N, C-alpha and C. Protein backbone atom coordinates (compact mmCIF):
# COMPACT_ATOMS: atom_id res chain seq x y z
N MET A 1 11.55 -100.23 -181.73
CA MET A 1 11.33 -99.03 -182.51
C MET A 1 12.65 -98.24 -182.56
N LYS A 2 12.91 -97.61 -183.71
CA LYS A 2 14.09 -96.78 -183.89
C LYS A 2 13.67 -95.36 -184.20
N ARG A 3 14.53 -94.41 -183.90
CA ARG A 3 14.28 -93.00 -184.22
C ARG A 3 15.44 -92.48 -185.07
N TYR A 4 15.09 -91.78 -186.13
CA TYR A 4 16.08 -91.14 -187.00
C TYR A 4 15.72 -89.67 -187.10
N CYS A 5 16.75 -88.83 -187.14
CA CYS A 5 16.57 -87.39 -187.32
C CYS A 5 17.37 -86.97 -188.54
N LEU A 6 16.73 -86.18 -189.40
CA LEU A 6 17.35 -85.77 -190.65
C LEU A 6 17.14 -84.28 -190.88
N ALA A 7 18.00 -83.67 -191.69
CA ALA A 7 17.90 -82.25 -191.99
C ALA A 7 17.97 -82.02 -193.49
N LEU A 8 17.37 -80.92 -193.90
CA LEU A 8 17.35 -80.50 -195.31
C LEU A 8 17.04 -79.01 -195.33
N ASP A 9 17.50 -78.30 -196.34
CA ASP A 9 17.17 -76.89 -196.49
C ASP A 9 16.14 -76.69 -197.58
N LEU A 10 15.37 -75.62 -197.43
CA LEU A 10 14.47 -75.16 -198.48
C LEU A 10 15.11 -73.99 -199.19
N VAL A 11 14.68 -73.74 -200.41
CA VAL A 11 15.08 -72.52 -201.10
C VAL A 11 14.60 -71.36 -200.22
N ASP A 12 15.46 -70.40 -199.96
CA ASP A 12 15.15 -69.32 -199.02
C ASP A 12 14.29 -68.25 -199.69
N ASP A 13 13.03 -68.59 -199.88
CA ASP A 13 12.07 -67.70 -200.54
C ASP A 13 10.72 -67.90 -199.83
N GLU A 14 10.18 -66.84 -199.23
CA GLU A 14 8.96 -66.96 -198.42
C GLU A 14 7.79 -67.57 -199.19
N LYS A 15 7.62 -67.18 -200.45
CA LYS A 15 6.51 -67.70 -201.26
C LYS A 15 6.68 -69.21 -201.48
N LEU A 16 7.88 -69.62 -201.83
CA LEU A 16 8.13 -71.04 -202.07
C LEU A 16 7.98 -71.85 -200.77
N ILE A 17 8.44 -71.30 -199.66
CA ILE A 17 8.30 -72.00 -198.37
C ILE A 17 6.83 -72.17 -198.03
N ALA A 18 6.02 -71.14 -198.27
CA ALA A 18 4.57 -71.24 -198.01
C ALA A 18 3.94 -72.32 -198.88
N GLU A 19 4.34 -72.39 -200.15
CA GLU A 19 3.82 -73.44 -201.04
C GLU A 19 4.22 -74.82 -200.54
N TYR A 20 5.47 -74.96 -200.12
CA TYR A 20 5.97 -76.24 -199.61
C TYR A 20 5.16 -76.68 -198.40
N GLU A 21 4.91 -75.75 -197.48
CA GLU A 21 4.13 -76.09 -196.29
C GLU A 21 2.70 -76.48 -196.67
N ALA A 22 2.12 -75.79 -197.65
CA ALA A 22 0.76 -76.12 -198.08
C ALA A 22 0.70 -77.54 -198.65
N TYR A 23 1.70 -77.94 -199.42
CA TYR A 23 1.72 -79.31 -199.93
C TYR A 23 1.74 -80.32 -198.78
N HIS A 24 2.46 -80.00 -197.72
CA HIS A 24 2.57 -80.94 -196.60
C HIS A 24 1.33 -80.93 -195.71
N GLU A 25 0.62 -79.82 -195.67
CA GLU A 25 -0.64 -79.77 -194.92
C GLU A 25 -1.70 -80.64 -195.58
N ASN A 26 -1.62 -80.75 -196.90
CA ASN A 26 -2.60 -81.51 -197.67
C ASN A 26 -1.95 -82.72 -198.34
N GLY A 27 -0.98 -83.34 -197.66
CA GLY A 27 -0.17 -84.42 -198.23
C GLY A 27 -0.95 -85.40 -199.10
N TRP A 28 -0.32 -85.85 -200.16
CA TRP A 28 -0.92 -86.82 -201.06
C TRP A 28 -1.10 -88.16 -200.35
N PRO A 29 -2.26 -88.78 -200.47
CA PRO A 29 -2.49 -90.07 -199.81
C PRO A 29 -1.51 -91.15 -200.26
N GLU A 30 -1.10 -91.13 -201.52
CA GLU A 30 -0.15 -92.14 -202.03
C GLU A 30 1.21 -92.00 -201.34
N ILE A 31 1.58 -90.78 -201.00
CA ILE A 31 2.86 -90.54 -200.33
C ILE A 31 2.78 -91.04 -198.89
N LYS A 32 1.67 -90.74 -198.23
CA LYS A 32 1.49 -91.24 -196.86
C LYS A 32 1.52 -92.77 -196.85
N SER A 33 0.89 -93.40 -197.83
CA SER A 33 0.89 -94.87 -197.92
C SER A 33 2.29 -95.41 -198.14
N SER A 34 3.07 -94.74 -198.97
CA SER A 34 4.44 -95.21 -199.23
C SER A 34 5.30 -95.08 -197.98
N ILE A 35 5.05 -94.06 -197.19
CA ILE A 35 5.81 -93.84 -195.95
C ILE A 35 5.50 -94.97 -194.96
N THR A 36 4.22 -95.17 -194.70
CA THR A 36 3.84 -96.19 -193.71
C THR A 36 4.15 -97.60 -194.22
N GLY A 37 4.06 -97.81 -195.53
CA GLY A 37 4.35 -99.11 -196.10
C GLY A 37 5.81 -99.51 -196.05
N SER A 38 6.67 -98.54 -195.77
CA SER A 38 8.10 -98.83 -195.71
C SER A 38 8.58 -99.14 -194.30
N GLY A 39 7.68 -99.08 -193.33
CA GLY A 39 8.07 -99.37 -191.95
C GLY A 39 8.24 -98.13 -191.10
N ILE A 40 7.86 -96.98 -191.63
CA ILE A 40 7.90 -95.75 -190.84
C ILE A 40 6.57 -95.66 -190.08
N LEU A 41 6.67 -95.60 -188.76
CA LEU A 41 5.49 -95.59 -187.91
C LEU A 41 4.97 -94.17 -187.67
N ASP A 42 5.88 -93.21 -187.57
CA ASP A 42 5.49 -91.82 -187.35
C ASP A 42 6.57 -90.93 -187.95
N MET A 43 6.15 -89.75 -188.40
CA MET A 43 7.09 -88.80 -188.99
C MET A 43 6.60 -87.40 -188.68
N GLU A 44 7.53 -86.54 -188.27
CA GLU A 44 7.24 -85.13 -188.05
C GLU A 44 8.31 -84.33 -188.75
N ILE A 45 7.91 -83.17 -189.31
CA ILE A 45 8.87 -82.25 -189.92
C ILE A 45 8.67 -80.89 -189.27
N TYR A 46 9.78 -80.30 -188.84
CA TYR A 46 9.79 -78.98 -188.23
C TYR A 46 10.61 -78.04 -189.12
N ARG A 47 10.32 -76.75 -189.02
CA ARG A 47 11.05 -75.76 -189.82
C ARG A 47 11.45 -74.57 -188.97
N VAL A 48 12.67 -74.10 -189.18
CA VAL A 48 13.13 -72.82 -188.66
C VAL A 48 13.81 -72.13 -189.84
N SER A 49 13.31 -70.94 -190.18
CA SER A 49 13.78 -70.23 -191.36
C SER A 49 13.63 -71.17 -192.56
N ASN A 50 14.72 -71.47 -193.26
CA ASN A 50 14.59 -72.39 -194.40
C ASN A 50 15.19 -73.77 -194.10
N ARG A 51 15.48 -74.05 -192.84
CA ARG A 51 16.03 -75.35 -192.46
C ARG A 51 14.91 -76.25 -191.95
N LEU A 52 14.89 -77.49 -192.47
CA LEU A 52 13.92 -78.49 -192.05
C LEU A 52 14.58 -79.53 -191.18
N PHE A 53 13.80 -80.06 -190.24
CA PHE A 53 14.26 -81.10 -189.33
C PHE A 53 13.17 -82.17 -189.29
N MET A 54 13.51 -83.40 -189.63
CA MET A 54 12.55 -84.51 -189.67
C MET A 54 12.89 -85.52 -188.58
N ILE A 55 11.85 -85.95 -187.87
CA ILE A 55 11.97 -87.03 -186.90
C ILE A 55 11.14 -88.20 -187.41
N MET A 56 11.77 -89.36 -187.51
CA MET A 56 11.08 -90.57 -187.96
C MET A 56 11.17 -91.62 -186.87
N GLU A 57 10.03 -92.22 -186.56
CA GLU A 57 9.98 -93.39 -185.69
C GLU A 57 9.68 -94.56 -186.61
N THR A 58 10.51 -95.60 -186.54
CA THR A 58 10.37 -96.71 -187.48
C THR A 58 10.32 -98.05 -186.75
N GLU A 59 9.90 -99.05 -187.51
CA GLU A 59 10.01 -100.42 -187.03
C GLU A 59 11.48 -100.77 -186.91
N ASP A 60 11.80 -101.74 -186.08
CA ASP A 60 13.20 -102.11 -185.86
C ASP A 60 13.92 -102.54 -187.14
N ASP A 61 13.19 -103.15 -188.07
CA ASP A 61 13.84 -103.64 -189.29
C ASP A 61 13.78 -102.64 -190.45
N PHE A 62 13.44 -101.38 -190.17
CA PHE A 62 13.41 -100.36 -191.23
C PHE A 62 14.78 -100.20 -191.85
N SER A 63 14.80 -99.97 -193.16
CA SER A 63 16.05 -99.80 -193.90
C SER A 63 15.89 -98.66 -194.90
N PHE A 64 16.83 -97.70 -194.85
CA PHE A 64 16.82 -96.62 -195.83
C PHE A 64 17.02 -97.17 -197.24
N GLU A 65 17.81 -98.23 -197.36
CA GLU A 65 18.07 -98.84 -198.66
C GLU A 65 16.77 -99.42 -199.24
N ASN A 66 16.03 -100.16 -198.42
CA ASN A 66 14.76 -100.72 -198.90
C ASN A 66 13.76 -99.62 -199.24
N LYS A 67 13.74 -98.57 -198.45
CA LYS A 67 12.84 -97.44 -198.72
C LYS A 67 13.20 -96.82 -200.07
N ALA A 68 14.48 -96.66 -200.35
CA ALA A 68 14.93 -96.08 -201.63
C ALA A 68 14.51 -96.96 -202.80
N ILE A 69 14.62 -98.28 -202.65
CA ILE A 69 14.21 -99.20 -203.71
C ILE A 69 12.71 -99.09 -203.96
N MET A 70 11.94 -99.06 -202.86
CA MET A 70 10.48 -98.93 -202.99
C MET A 70 10.12 -97.61 -203.68
N ASP A 71 10.77 -96.53 -203.27
CA ASP A 71 10.48 -95.21 -203.84
C ASP A 71 10.82 -95.14 -205.32
N ALA A 72 11.93 -95.76 -205.71
CA ALA A 72 12.38 -95.72 -207.10
C ALA A 72 11.39 -96.42 -208.03
N SER A 73 10.64 -97.38 -207.49
CA SER A 73 9.70 -98.12 -208.32
C SER A 73 8.26 -97.60 -208.20
N ASN A 74 8.08 -96.48 -207.49
CA ASN A 74 6.75 -95.92 -207.29
C ASN A 74 6.63 -94.61 -208.06
N PRO A 75 5.89 -94.58 -209.18
CA PRO A 75 5.80 -93.37 -210.00
C PRO A 75 5.24 -92.17 -209.24
N LYS A 76 4.31 -92.39 -208.32
CA LYS A 76 3.73 -91.26 -207.58
C LYS A 76 4.76 -90.65 -206.63
N VAL A 77 5.58 -91.49 -206.01
CA VAL A 77 6.65 -90.98 -205.15
C VAL A 77 7.66 -90.20 -205.98
N GLN A 78 7.98 -90.71 -207.16
CA GLN A 78 8.92 -90.00 -208.04
C GLN A 78 8.35 -88.64 -208.47
N GLU A 79 7.06 -88.60 -208.75
CA GLU A 79 6.40 -87.33 -209.10
C GLU A 79 6.49 -86.35 -207.92
N TRP A 80 6.21 -86.84 -206.71
CA TRP A 80 6.28 -86.01 -205.51
C TRP A 80 7.71 -85.48 -205.29
N GLU A 81 8.68 -86.37 -205.40
CA GLU A 81 10.08 -85.97 -205.16
C GLU A 81 10.54 -84.93 -206.19
N THR A 82 10.15 -85.11 -207.43
CA THR A 82 10.50 -84.14 -208.47
C THR A 82 9.87 -82.78 -208.16
N LEU A 83 8.60 -82.79 -207.75
CA LEU A 83 7.91 -81.56 -207.36
C LEU A 83 8.60 -80.90 -206.17
N MET A 84 8.96 -81.69 -205.16
CA MET A 84 9.56 -81.12 -203.95
C MET A 84 10.93 -80.50 -204.20
N TRP A 85 11.66 -81.00 -205.21
CA TRP A 85 12.97 -80.41 -205.53
C TRP A 85 12.84 -78.96 -205.99
N ASN A 86 11.63 -78.52 -206.37
CA ASN A 86 11.42 -77.11 -206.71
C ASN A 86 11.54 -76.22 -205.47
N TYR A 87 11.39 -76.81 -204.31
CA TYR A 87 11.39 -76.07 -203.05
C TYR A 87 12.61 -76.38 -202.19
N GLN A 88 13.19 -77.53 -202.39
CA GLN A 88 14.28 -78.00 -201.53
C GLN A 88 15.63 -77.69 -202.17
N GLN A 89 16.63 -77.57 -201.30
CA GLN A 89 18.01 -77.49 -201.77
C GLN A 89 18.88 -78.31 -200.82
N ALA A 90 19.84 -78.97 -201.38
CA ALA A 90 20.70 -79.83 -200.58
C ALA A 90 21.49 -79.00 -199.57
N LEU A 91 21.78 -79.60 -198.44
CA LEU A 91 22.67 -78.96 -197.48
C LEU A 91 24.03 -78.79 -198.13
N PRO A 92 24.78 -77.75 -197.75
CA PRO A 92 26.06 -77.46 -198.42
C PRO A 92 27.04 -78.64 -198.41
N PHE A 93 26.96 -79.50 -197.41
CA PHE A 93 27.89 -80.61 -197.28
C PHE A 93 27.31 -81.94 -197.73
N ALA A 94 26.11 -81.91 -198.32
CA ALA A 94 25.46 -83.15 -198.77
C ALA A 94 26.21 -83.75 -199.96
N LYS A 95 26.11 -85.07 -200.07
CA LYS A 95 26.69 -85.77 -201.20
C LYS A 95 25.85 -85.46 -202.45
N PRO A 96 26.40 -85.58 -203.64
CA PRO A 96 25.63 -85.32 -204.86
C PRO A 96 24.34 -86.16 -204.89
N GLY A 97 23.21 -85.49 -205.13
CA GLY A 97 21.92 -86.16 -205.21
C GLY A 97 21.28 -86.44 -203.86
N GLU A 98 21.97 -86.16 -202.77
CA GLU A 98 21.44 -86.43 -201.43
C GLU A 98 20.51 -85.31 -201.00
N LYS A 99 19.35 -85.70 -200.51
CA LYS A 99 18.38 -84.73 -200.00
C LYS A 99 18.50 -84.66 -198.49
N TRP A 100 17.65 -85.42 -197.83
CA TRP A 100 17.65 -85.44 -196.37
C TRP A 100 18.94 -86.08 -195.87
N VAL A 101 19.61 -85.40 -194.94
CA VAL A 101 20.88 -85.88 -194.40
C VAL A 101 20.64 -86.36 -192.96
N LEU A 102 21.07 -87.58 -192.69
CA LEU A 102 20.92 -88.16 -191.37
C LEU A 102 21.77 -87.39 -190.37
N MET A 103 21.17 -87.04 -189.25
CA MET A 103 21.86 -86.29 -188.21
C MET A 103 22.42 -87.25 -187.16
N LYS A 104 23.49 -86.83 -186.51
CA LYS A 104 24.13 -87.62 -185.45
C LYS A 104 23.60 -87.13 -184.10
N LYS A 105 23.13 -88.08 -183.28
CA LYS A 105 22.67 -87.72 -181.94
C LYS A 105 23.89 -87.44 -181.08
N ILE A 106 23.89 -86.28 -180.42
CA ILE A 106 25.03 -85.92 -179.57
C ILE A 106 24.66 -85.79 -178.10
N PHE A 107 23.35 -85.90 -177.78
CA PHE A 107 22.93 -85.79 -176.38
C PHE A 107 21.59 -86.50 -176.21
N GLU A 108 21.44 -87.15 -175.05
CA GLU A 108 20.18 -87.76 -174.69
C GLU A 108 20.02 -87.61 -173.17
N LEU A 109 19.01 -86.93 -172.71
CA LEU A 109 18.81 -86.65 -171.29
C LEU A 109 18.73 -87.92 -170.47
N ASN A 110 17.97 -88.88 -170.92
CA ASN A 110 17.76 -90.10 -170.14
C ASN A 110 18.46 -91.31 -170.77
N GLY A 111 19.58 -91.07 -171.41
CA GLY A 111 20.24 -92.15 -172.14
C GLY A 111 21.31 -92.85 -171.42
């Protein structure tokens, strides 16, 4: 099993943040299926202010590239991603079109 941590910002607007959280509380079943179907075993998203932090536990052979290919060919995932861009904003240092940015682990207590 592998663990990945990613970050993303939300538009800094309380109403929009509340809407974003409501979408995630009632997540679309097709999105959950696409997540698990790509080899992601568990996923958690945390928020502080307008910054999001995602933890993903994946199968050993999980690939971001394969996930992107699967997502590009899934109309429901594309609909979800388009909707979520109303609430999300790229981190200031993100590459063009990049949403979630992979974080670098700098400490592990038992590592």
